[in-house]
């Protein structure tokens, strides 16, 4: 590794690094390797920590060397990092993946329950009541039986009017 000093860059030395490939890179700061999503390893670790439930500052402390930083600095850097489009996109992607996994798990449970109900309904060893109940639950799962609820809003009624209405309904039902 070789370095050349050039003080024309605001007093900071300009480094020239020659790696194993012979390719020269210049800069004043070492950059982390990027992964396939365009994030650095530290940015990915930060996004994963937030996804797992850490707050921004704690995620920053877990992912970056923040030993000599004040809490306010850590908070500011973490907030800036969350606003980075690549990091925010990664967080959205992780949340979308979690939601998709939750949906798939829910569908799997539903399929399992429906299969078990079908098995119960078709099992000749079960009692007739158990088979009918399984069929009823299967029917409800596809909205075959819908309950109709009628409601009326009669707000200004006294006790005598309510009594008369109930008596009329009973007379209709009993014949």
N, C-alpha and C. Protein backbone atom coordinates (compact mmCIF):
# COMPACT_ATOMS: atom_id res chain seq x y z
N UNK A 1 0.84 -1.15 0.00
CA UNK A 1 0.00 0.00 0.00
C UNK A 1 0.90 1.23 0.00
N UNK A 2 0.57 2.16 -0.83
CA UNK A 2 1.36 3.39 -0.89
C UNK A 2 0.44 4.57 -0.68
N UNK A 3 1.02 5.68 -0.22
CA UNK A 3 0.21 6.88 -0.05
C UNK A 3 1.01 8.07 -0.52
N UNK A 4 0.33 8.96 -1.17
CA UNK A 4 0.93 10.20 -1.63
C UNK A 4 0.24 11.35 -0.93
N UNK A 5 0.99 12.32 -0.46
CA UNK A 5 0.38 13.48 0.20
C UNK A 5 0.13 14.57 -0.83
N UNK A 6 -1.07 15.09 -0.75
CA UNK A 6 -1.45 16.21 -1.59
C UNK A 6 -2.28 17.13 -0.70
N UNK A 7 -1.75 18.25 -0.32
CA UNK A 7 -2.41 19.14 0.61
C UNK A 7 -3.33 20.12 -0.08
N UNK A 8 -3.64 19.95 -1.35
CA UNK A 8 -4.53 20.85 -2.06
C UNK A 8 -5.99 20.60 -1.72
N UNK A 9 -6.33 19.59 -0.95
CA UNK A 9 -7.72 19.24 -0.65
C UNK A 9 -8.07 19.66 0.76
N UNK A 10 -8.18 20.96 1.02
CA UNK A 10 -8.57 21.54 2.31
C UNK A 10 -7.71 21.03 3.45
N UNK A 11 -6.48 20.85 3.25
CA UNK A 11 -5.57 20.47 4.32
C UNK A 11 -5.58 18.99 4.66
N UNK A 12 -6.48 18.21 4.05
CA UNK A 12 -6.52 16.77 4.33
C UNK A 12 -5.63 16.05 3.34
N UNK A 13 -4.87 15.08 3.82
CA UNK A 13 -4.03 14.33 2.88
C UNK A 13 -4.91 13.46 1.98
N UNK A 14 -4.56 13.37 0.73
CA UNK A 14 -5.27 12.53 -0.21
C UNK A 14 -4.52 11.21 -0.30
N UNK A 15 -5.24 10.13 -0.08
CA UNK A 15 -4.62 8.81 -0.06
C UNK A 15 -4.85 8.11 -1.38
N UNK A 16 -3.86 7.41 -1.82
CA UNK A 16 -3.98 6.55 -2.99
C UNK A 16 -3.69 5.14 -2.50
N UNK A 17 -4.68 4.25 -2.64
CA UNK A 17 -4.54 2.90 -2.15
C UNK A 17 -4.42 1.97 -3.34
N UNK A 18 -3.43 1.12 -3.29
CA UNK A 18 -3.24 0.12 -4.33
C UNK A 18 -3.52 -1.22 -3.69
N UNK A 19 -4.59 -1.88 -4.14
CA UNK A 19 -4.97 -3.18 -3.58
C UNK A 19 -4.30 -4.31 -4.32
N UNK A 20 -4.78 -5.53 -4.07
CA UNK A 20 -4.23 -6.72 -4.71
C UNK A 20 -4.48 -6.74 -6.20
N UNK A 21 -5.50 -6.04 -6.67
CA UNK A 21 -5.83 -6.07 -8.08
C UNK A 21 -5.00 -5.10 -8.88
N UNK A 22 -4.28 -4.24 -8.20
CA UNK A 22 -3.47 -3.25 -8.88
C UNK A 22 -4.27 -2.01 -9.24
N UNK A 23 -5.58 -2.02 -8.95
CA UNK A 23 -6.44 -0.89 -9.26
C UNK A 23 -6.24 0.18 -8.21
N UNK A 24 -6.09 1.42 -8.64
CA UNK A 24 -5.88 2.52 -7.71
C UNK A 24 -7.22 3.15 -7.34
N UNK A 25 -7.41 3.43 -6.05
CA UNK A 25 -8.58 4.17 -5.60
C UNK A 25 -8.08 5.32 -4.76
N UNK A 26 -8.79 6.41 -4.82
CA UNK A 26 -8.38 7.57 -4.03
C UNK A 26 -9.53 7.99 -3.16
N UNK A 27 -9.24 8.62 -2.04
CA UNK A 27 -10.28 9.11 -1.15
C UNK A 27 -9.73 9.33 0.23
N UNK A 28 -10.53 9.98 1.06
CA UNK A 28 -10.11 10.25 2.42
C UNK A 28 -10.83 9.35 3.41
N UNK A 29 -11.77 8.53 2.95
CA UNK A 29 -12.57 7.73 3.84
C UNK A 29 -12.73 6.32 3.27
N UNK A 30 -12.62 5.32 4.12
CA UNK A 30 -12.81 3.95 3.67
C UNK A 30 -14.31 3.67 3.60
N UNK A 31 -14.77 3.12 2.51
CA UNK A 31 -16.18 2.86 2.30
C UNK A 31 -16.46 1.38 2.51
N UNK A 32 -17.61 1.07 3.14
CA UNK A 32 -18.02 -0.31 3.36
C UNK A 32 -18.42 -0.95 2.05
N UNK A 33 -18.29 -2.24 2.00
CA UNK A 33 -18.71 -2.97 0.80
C UNK A 33 -20.22 -2.90 0.68
N UNK A 34 -20.71 -2.84 -0.55
CA UNK A 34 -22.15 -2.81 -0.76
C UNK A 34 -22.64 -4.21 -1.07
N UNK A 35 -23.89 -4.47 -0.67
CA UNK A 35 -24.46 -5.78 -0.96
C UNK A 35 -25.32 -5.69 -2.22
N UNK A 36 -26.07 -6.72 -2.50
CA UNK A 36 -26.84 -6.77 -3.75
C UNK A 36 -27.98 -5.77 -3.76
N UNK A 37 -28.40 -5.27 -2.62
CA UNK A 37 -29.49 -4.30 -2.56
C UNK A 37 -29.00 -2.86 -2.66
N UNK A 38 -27.70 -2.68 -2.82
CA UNK A 38 -27.16 -1.33 -2.92
C UNK A 38 -26.86 -0.70 -1.58
N UNK A 39 -27.02 -1.44 -0.52
CA UNK A 39 -26.73 -0.94 0.83
C UNK A 39 -25.36 -1.42 1.26
N UNK A 40 -24.75 -0.64 2.13
CA UNK A 40 -23.52 -1.13 2.74
C UNK A 40 -23.90 -2.18 3.78
N UNK A 41 -22.94 -2.93 4.22
CA UNK A 41 -23.21 -3.95 5.24
C UNK A 41 -23.74 -3.30 6.52
N UNK A 42 -23.22 -2.14 6.85
CA UNK A 42 -23.66 -1.44 8.06
C UNK A 42 -25.09 -0.93 7.90
N UNK A 43 -25.42 -0.43 6.71
CA UNK A 43 -26.78 0.02 6.47
C UNK A 43 -27.76 -1.14 6.55
N UNK A 44 -27.37 -2.29 6.00
CA UNK A 44 -28.22 -3.48 6.07
C UNK A 44 -28.40 -3.91 7.52
N UNK A 45 -27.32 -3.90 8.30
CA UNK A 45 -27.41 -4.26 9.72
C UNK A 45 -28.32 -3.28 10.46
N UNK A 46 -28.23 -2.00 10.13
CA UNK A 46 -29.08 -0.98 10.73
C UNK A 46 -30.55 -1.26 10.40
N UNK A 47 -30.86 -1.53 9.14
CA UNK A 47 -32.23 -1.82 8.73
C UNK A 47 -32.75 -3.08 9.42
N UNK A 48 -31.91 -4.11 9.50
CA UNK A 48 -32.32 -5.35 10.16
C UNK A 48 -32.61 -5.12 11.64
N UNK A 49 -31.78 -4.31 12.30
CA UNK A 49 -31.98 -4.03 13.73
C UNK A 49 -33.31 -3.30 13.95
N UNK A 50 -33.62 -2.34 13.09
CA UNK A 50 -34.90 -1.63 13.21
C UNK A 50 -36.05 -2.60 12.95
N UNK A 51 -35.91 -3.43 11.95
CA UNK A 51 -36.92 -4.41 11.60
C UNK A 51 -37.19 -5.36 12.77
N UNK A 52 -36.14 -5.69 13.52
CA UNK A 52 -36.28 -6.59 14.65
C UNK A 52 -36.80 -5.89 15.91
N UNK A 53 -37.02 -4.57 15.82
CA UNK A 53 -37.67 -3.87 16.93
C UNK A 53 -36.82 -2.86 17.67
N UNK A 54 -35.57 -2.68 17.29
CA UNK A 54 -34.72 -1.70 17.98
C UNK A 54 -35.13 -0.29 17.56
N UNK A 55 -34.96 0.67 18.47
CA UNK A 55 -35.22 2.05 18.07
C UNK A 55 -34.05 2.54 17.22
N UNK A 56 -34.20 3.71 16.60
CA UNK A 56 -33.20 4.19 15.65
C UNK A 56 -31.82 4.31 16.29
N UNK A 57 -31.76 4.89 17.48
CA UNK A 57 -30.46 5.10 18.12
C UNK A 57 -29.79 3.78 18.47
N UNK A 58 -30.55 2.86 19.03
CA UNK A 58 -29.97 1.56 19.38
C UNK A 58 -29.53 0.79 18.14
N UNK A 59 -30.32 0.89 17.08
CA UNK A 59 -29.94 0.23 15.83
C UNK A 59 -28.64 0.83 15.29
N UNK A 60 -28.50 2.14 15.42
CA UNK A 60 -27.27 2.79 14.96
C UNK A 60 -26.08 2.31 15.79
N UNK A 61 -26.25 2.24 17.12
CA UNK A 61 -25.17 1.78 18.00
C UNK A 61 -24.76 0.35 17.68
N UNK A 62 -25.75 -0.50 17.32
CA UNK A 62 -25.45 -1.90 17.00
C UNK A 62 -24.71 -2.03 15.68
N UNK A 63 -24.96 -1.11 14.75
CA UNK A 63 -24.45 -1.25 13.40
C UNK A 63 -23.19 -0.45 13.12
N UNK A 64 -22.98 0.62 13.84
CA UNK A 64 -21.87 1.51 13.58
C UNK A 64 -21.03 1.68 14.85
N UNK A 65 -19.80 2.13 14.67
CA UNK A 65 -18.92 2.42 15.80
C UNK A 65 -19.32 3.79 16.35
N UNK A 66 -20.07 3.77 17.43
CA UNK A 66 -20.58 5.02 18.01
C UNK A 66 -20.04 5.25 19.41
N UNK A 67 -18.92 4.62 19.73
CA UNK A 67 -18.38 4.70 21.09
C UNK A 67 -18.02 6.12 21.50
N UNK A 68 -17.51 6.92 20.59
CA UNK A 68 -17.08 8.28 20.93
C UNK A 68 -18.10 9.33 20.54
N UNK A 69 -19.34 8.92 20.30
CA UNK A 69 -20.38 9.86 19.87
C UNK A 69 -21.34 10.14 21.02
N UNK A 70 -21.86 11.36 21.05
CA UNK A 70 -22.86 11.72 22.06
C UNK A 70 -24.20 11.13 21.64
N UNK A 71 -25.11 11.03 22.60
CA UNK A 71 -26.44 10.50 22.31
C UNK A 71 -27.15 11.33 21.25
N UNK A 72 -26.99 12.65 21.32
CA UNK A 72 -27.62 13.54 20.33
C UNK A 72 -27.06 13.28 18.93
N UNK A 73 -25.76 13.09 18.84
CA UNK A 73 -25.14 12.81 17.54
C UNK A 73 -25.62 11.48 16.97
N UNK A 74 -25.71 10.49 17.85
CA UNK A 74 -26.19 9.18 17.42
C UNK A 74 -27.62 9.30 16.91
N UNK A 75 -28.44 10.03 17.64
CA UNK A 75 -29.83 10.21 17.23
C UNK A 75 -29.92 10.91 15.87
N UNK A 76 -29.14 11.97 15.71
CA UNK A 76 -29.16 12.70 14.43
C UNK A 76 -28.70 11.83 13.28
N UNK A 77 -27.61 11.09 13.46
CA UNK A 77 -27.10 10.22 12.40
C UNK A 77 -28.11 9.11 12.08
N UNK A 78 -28.74 8.57 13.11
CA UNK A 78 -29.73 7.51 12.90
C UNK A 78 -30.92 8.04 12.11
N UNK A 79 -31.37 9.25 12.45
CA UNK A 79 -32.50 9.84 11.72
C UNK A 79 -32.14 10.11 10.27
N UNK A 80 -30.94 10.59 10.04
CA UNK A 80 -30.49 10.82 8.66
C UNK A 80 -30.41 9.50 7.90
N UNK A 81 -29.94 8.46 8.57
CA UNK A 81 -29.80 7.16 7.93
C UNK A 81 -31.16 6.58 7.55
N UNK A 82 -32.15 6.76 8.41
CA UNK A 82 -33.49 6.25 8.12
C UNK A 82 -34.08 6.98 6.91
N UNK A 83 -33.70 8.24 6.72
CA UNK A 83 -34.21 9.01 5.60
C UNK A 83 -33.49 8.69 4.29
N UNK A 84 -32.41 7.95 4.36
CA UNK A 84 -31.69 7.53 3.16
C UNK A 84 -32.65 6.68 2.32
N UNK A 85 -32.84 7.03 1.05
CA UNK A 85 -33.81 6.30 0.23
C UNK A 85 -33.56 4.80 0.17
N UNK A 86 -32.31 4.39 0.11
CA UNK A 86 -32.02 2.96 0.02
C UNK A 86 -32.39 2.24 1.33
N UNK A 87 -32.10 2.90 2.45
CA UNK A 87 -32.42 2.29 3.75
C UNK A 87 -33.93 2.24 3.95
N UNK A 88 -34.63 3.34 3.62
CA UNK A 88 -36.08 3.35 3.80
C UNK A 88 -36.75 2.34 2.87
N UNK A 89 -36.22 2.19 1.66
CA UNK A 89 -36.77 1.18 0.74
C UNK A 89 -36.55 -0.23 1.30
N UNK A 90 -35.40 -0.46 1.90
CA UNK A 90 -35.11 -1.77 2.49
C UNK A 90 -36.07 -2.06 3.64
N UNK A 91 -36.33 -1.05 4.47
CA UNK A 91 -37.27 -1.23 5.57
C UNK A 91 -38.67 -1.55 5.04
N UNK A 92 -39.09 -0.85 4.00
CA UNK A 92 -40.39 -1.13 3.39
C UNK A 92 -40.42 -2.55 2.83
N UNK A 93 -39.31 -2.96 2.21
CA UNK A 93 -39.22 -4.31 1.66
C UNK A 93 -39.31 -5.36 2.77
N UNK A 94 -38.60 -5.14 3.86
CA UNK A 94 -38.64 -6.09 4.98
C UNK A 94 -40.06 -6.18 5.55
N UNK A 95 -40.73 -5.05 5.69
CA UNK A 95 -42.10 -5.05 6.21
C UNK A 95 -43.05 -5.73 5.24
N UNK A 96 -42.86 -5.51 3.95
CA UNK A 96 -43.70 -6.18 2.95
C UNK A 96 -43.49 -7.69 2.99
N UNK A 97 -42.24 -8.11 3.15
CA UNK A 97 -41.95 -9.54 3.25
C UNK A 97 -42.60 -10.15 4.49
N UNK A 98 -42.56 -9.42 5.60
CA UNK A 98 -43.19 -9.90 6.84
C UNK A 98 -44.70 -10.03 6.64
N UNK A 99 -45.31 -9.03 6.01
CA UNK A 99 -46.75 -9.06 5.77
C UNK A 99 -47.11 -10.21 4.84
N UNK A 100 -46.33 -10.44 3.81
CA UNK A 100 -46.58 -11.54 2.89
C UNK A 100 -46.47 -12.89 3.62
N UNK A 101 -45.48 -13.00 4.47
CA UNK A 101 -45.31 -14.23 5.24
C UNK A 101 -46.49 -14.44 6.19
N UNK A 102 -46.96 -13.36 6.80
CA UNK A 102 -48.11 -13.45 7.70
C UNK A 102 -49.37 -13.89 6.93
N UNK A 103 -49.55 -13.33 5.73
CA UNK A 103 -50.70 -13.70 4.91
C UNK A 103 -50.64 -15.17 4.50
N UNK A 104 -49.45 -15.60 4.11
CA UNK A 104 -49.29 -17.00 3.70
C UNK A 104 -49.55 -17.94 4.87
N UNK A 105 -49.08 -17.57 6.04
CA UNK A 105 -49.30 -18.40 7.23
C UNK A 105 -50.79 -18.45 7.56
N UNK A 106 -51.47 -17.33 7.43
CA UNK A 106 -52.89 -17.28 7.69
C UNK A 106 -53.65 -18.15 6.70
N UNK A 107 -53.28 -18.09 5.42
CA UNK A 107 -53.91 -18.94 4.41
C UNK A 107 -53.65 -20.41 4.70
N UNK A 108 -52.45 -20.72 5.12
CA UNK A 108 -52.12 -22.12 5.43
C UNK A 108 -52.97 -22.63 6.58
N UNK A 109 -53.15 -21.79 7.60
CA UNK A 109 -54.00 -22.20 8.73
C UNK A 109 -55.43 -22.41 8.27
N UNK A 110 -55.91 -21.48 7.43
CA UNK A 110 -57.27 -21.61 6.92
C UNK A 110 -57.45 -22.88 6.12
N UNK A 111 -56.49 -23.18 5.26
CA UNK A 111 -56.55 -24.41 4.47
C UNK A 111 -56.56 -25.64 5.37
N UNK A 112 -55.74 -25.58 6.42
CA UNK A 112 -55.67 -26.71 7.36
C UNK A 112 -57.03 -26.92 8.04
N UNK A 113 -57.63 -25.84 8.51
CA UNK A 113 -58.92 -25.95 9.21
C UNK A 113 -59.99 -26.49 8.26
N UNK A 114 -60.02 -25.97 7.04
CA UNK A 114 -61.02 -26.44 6.08
C UNK A 114 -60.81 -27.92 5.73
N UNK A 115 -59.56 -28.33 5.62
CA UNK A 115 -59.29 -29.74 5.33
C UNK A 115 -59.74 -30.62 6.49
N UNK A 116 -59.45 -30.18 7.71
CA UNK A 116 -59.86 -30.96 8.88
C UNK A 116 -61.38 -31.05 8.97
N UNK A 117 -62.07 -29.94 8.71
CA UNK A 117 -63.53 -29.96 8.74
C UNK A 117 -64.09 -30.89 7.67
N UNK A 118 -63.48 -30.87 6.49
CA UNK A 118 -63.91 -31.76 5.42
C UNK A 118 -63.72 -33.21 5.82
N UNK A 119 -62.58 -33.51 6.43
CA UNK A 119 -62.32 -34.88 6.90
C UNK A 119 -63.35 -35.30 7.95
N UNK A 120 -63.68 -34.37 8.86
CA UNK A 120 -64.67 -34.68 9.90
C UNK A 120 -66.04 -34.92 9.28
N UNK A 121 -66.40 -34.09 8.31
CA UNK A 121 -67.72 -34.21 7.69
C UNK A 121 -67.85 -35.51 6.89
N UNK A 122 -66.76 -35.99 6.32
CA UNK A 122 -66.81 -37.18 5.49
C UNK A 122 -66.50 -38.47 6.24
N UNK A 123 -66.11 -38.36 7.49
CA UNK A 123 -65.73 -39.54 8.28
C UNK A 123 -66.99 -40.26 8.74
N UNK A 124 -67.23 -41.49 8.26
CA UNK A 124 -68.45 -42.22 8.66
C UNK A 124 -68.43 -42.68 10.11
N UNK A 125 -67.26 -42.67 10.75
CA UNK A 125 -67.17 -43.09 12.15
C UNK A 125 -67.68 -42.00 13.09
N UNK A 126 -67.77 -40.75 12.62
CA UNK A 126 -68.26 -39.66 13.47
C UNK A 126 -69.77 -39.73 13.59
N UNK A 127 -70.27 -39.17 14.67
CA UNK A 127 -71.72 -39.13 14.85
C UNK A 127 -72.34 -38.21 13.80
N UNK A 128 -73.64 -38.42 13.59
CA UNK A 128 -74.33 -37.57 12.61
C UNK A 128 -74.25 -36.10 13.02
N UNK A 129 -74.35 -35.83 14.29
CA UNK A 129 -74.30 -34.45 14.79
C UNK A 129 -72.96 -33.80 14.51
N UNK A 130 -71.87 -34.54 14.71
CA UNK A 130 -70.53 -34.00 14.46
C UNK A 130 -70.32 -33.74 12.98
N UNK A 131 -70.86 -34.66 12.14
CA UNK A 131 -70.71 -34.47 10.70
C UNK A 131 -71.52 -33.27 10.20
N UNK A 132 -72.74 -33.12 10.73
CA UNK A 132 -73.57 -31.98 10.34
C UNK A 132 -72.93 -30.68 10.80
N UNK A 133 -72.38 -30.67 12.01
CA UNK A 133 -71.73 -29.46 12.52
C UNK A 133 -70.52 -29.09 11.66
N UNK A 134 -69.73 -30.08 11.24
CA UNK A 134 -68.58 -29.82 10.38
C UNK A 134 -69.05 -29.25 9.04
N UNK A 135 -70.13 -29.80 8.51
CA UNK A 135 -70.67 -29.27 7.25
C UNK A 135 -71.20 -27.84 7.44
N UNK A 136 -71.81 -27.59 8.58
CA UNK A 136 -72.31 -26.24 8.87
C UNK A 136 -71.16 -25.24 8.91
N UNK A 137 -70.07 -25.61 9.57
CA UNK A 137 -68.91 -24.71 9.65
C UNK A 137 -68.28 -24.51 8.27
N UNK A 138 -68.24 -25.55 7.47
CA UNK A 138 -67.73 -25.42 6.10
C UNK A 138 -68.62 -24.47 5.30
N UNK A 139 -69.92 -24.61 5.46
CA UNK A 139 -70.86 -23.72 4.77
C UNK A 139 -70.70 -22.28 5.20
N UNK A 140 -70.49 -22.06 6.48
CA UNK A 140 -70.28 -20.69 6.98
C UNK A 140 -68.98 -20.11 6.43
N UNK A 141 -67.99 -20.95 6.20
CA UNK A 141 -66.71 -20.44 5.70
C UNK A 141 -66.82 -19.88 4.29
N UNK A 142 -67.84 -20.31 3.55
CA UNK A 142 -68.06 -19.78 2.20
C UNK A 142 -69.33 -18.94 2.14
N UNK A 143 -69.78 -18.45 3.29
CA UNK A 143 -70.95 -17.57 3.41
C UNK A 143 -72.21 -18.21 2.83
N UNK A 144 -72.34 -19.50 3.00
CA UNK A 144 -73.52 -20.20 2.52
C UNK A 144 -74.73 -19.87 3.38
N UNK A 145 -74.50 -19.70 4.66
CA UNK A 145 -75.57 -19.34 5.58
C UNK A 145 -75.29 -17.94 6.09
N UNK A 146 -76.11 -17.00 5.68
CA UNK A 146 -75.91 -15.65 6.18
C UNK A 146 -77.08 -15.30 7.07
N UNK A 147 -76.78 -14.77 8.22
CA UNK A 147 -77.81 -14.34 9.16
C UNK A 147 -78.26 -12.95 8.78
N UNK A 148 -79.58 -12.78 8.73
CA UNK A 148 -80.13 -11.47 8.41
C UNK A 148 -80.62 -10.85 9.71
N UNK A 149 -80.12 -9.69 10.00
CA UNK A 149 -80.49 -8.99 11.21
C UNK A 149 -81.22 -7.72 10.81
N UNK A 150 -82.45 -7.60 11.31
CA UNK A 150 -83.24 -6.40 11.04
C UNK A 150 -83.26 -5.55 12.28
N UNK A 151 -83.06 -4.29 12.09
CA UNK A 151 -83.13 -3.38 13.22
C UNK A 151 -84.06 -2.23 12.87
N UNK A 152 -84.79 -1.79 13.86
CA UNK A 152 -85.67 -0.64 13.70
C UNK A 152 -85.29 0.37 14.76
N UNK A 153 -85.39 1.61 14.39
CA UNK A 153 -85.07 2.66 15.36
C UNK A 153 -86.35 3.43 15.67
N UNK A 154 -86.93 3.08 16.77
CA UNK A 154 -88.11 3.80 17.24
C UNK A 154 -87.73 4.43 18.58
N UNK A 155 -87.33 5.64 18.53
CA UNK A 155 -86.76 6.27 19.72
C UNK A 155 -87.81 6.80 20.68
N UNK A 156 -88.94 7.28 20.18
CA UNK A 156 -89.91 7.89 21.09
C UNK A 156 -91.08 6.96 21.33
N UNK A 157 -90.88 6.02 22.27
CA UNK A 157 -91.94 5.09 22.64
C UNK A 157 -92.01 5.03 24.15
N UNK A 158 -93.22 4.93 24.64
CA UNK A 158 -93.36 4.76 26.08
C UNK A 158 -93.57 3.29 26.39
N UNK A 159 -93.66 2.95 27.65
CA UNK A 159 -93.76 1.55 28.07
C UNK A 159 -95.01 0.88 27.52
N UNK A 160 -96.12 1.60 27.46
CA UNK A 160 -97.36 1.02 26.95
C UNK A 160 -97.24 0.68 25.46
N UNK A 161 -96.56 1.53 24.69
CA UNK A 161 -96.40 1.28 23.25
C UNK A 161 -95.51 0.06 23.03
N UNK A 162 -94.46 -0.05 23.83
CA UNK A 162 -93.56 -1.21 23.71
C UNK A 162 -94.31 -2.49 24.07
N UNK A 163 -95.13 -2.43 25.13
CA UNK A 163 -95.90 -3.60 25.56
C UNK A 163 -96.87 -4.02 24.47
N UNK A 164 -97.51 -3.07 23.87
CA UNK A 164 -98.48 -3.37 22.81
C UNK A 164 -97.78 -3.97 21.58
N UNK A 165 -96.62 -3.45 21.24
CA UNK A 165 -95.85 -3.97 20.11
C UNK A 165 -95.41 -5.40 20.36
N UNK A 166 -94.92 -5.66 21.56
CA UNK A 166 -94.49 -7.03 21.91
C UNK A 166 -95.67 -7.99 21.89
N UNK A 167 -96.82 -7.56 22.41
CA UNK A 167 -98.00 -8.40 22.42
C UNK A 167 -98.44 -8.74 20.99
N UNK A 168 -98.34 -7.76 20.11
CA UNK A 168 -98.73 -7.97 18.72
C UNK A 168 -97.79 -8.98 18.06
N UNK A 169 -96.51 -8.88 18.32
CA UNK A 169 -95.53 -9.82 17.77
C UNK A 169 -95.77 -11.23 18.29
N UNK A 170 -96.07 -11.34 19.59
CA UNK A 170 -96.35 -12.66 20.18
C UNK A 170 -97.61 -13.26 19.56
N UNK A 171 -98.64 -12.45 19.37
CA UNK A 171 -99.86 -12.95 18.77
C UNK A 171 -99.63 -13.45 17.35
N UNK A 172 -98.78 -12.71 16.60
CA UNK A 172 -98.46 -13.13 15.23
C UNK A 172 -97.70 -14.46 15.23
N UNK A 173 -96.74 -14.61 16.15
CA UNK A 173 -95.93 -15.83 16.20
C UNK A 173 -96.72 -17.05 16.67
N UNK A 174 -97.59 -16.83 17.63
CA UNK A 174 -98.34 -17.96 18.22
C UNK A 174 -99.60 -18.28 17.43
N UNK A 175 -100.00 -17.41 16.57
CA UNK A 175 -101.12 -17.68 15.69
C UNK A 175 -102.37 -17.17 16.18
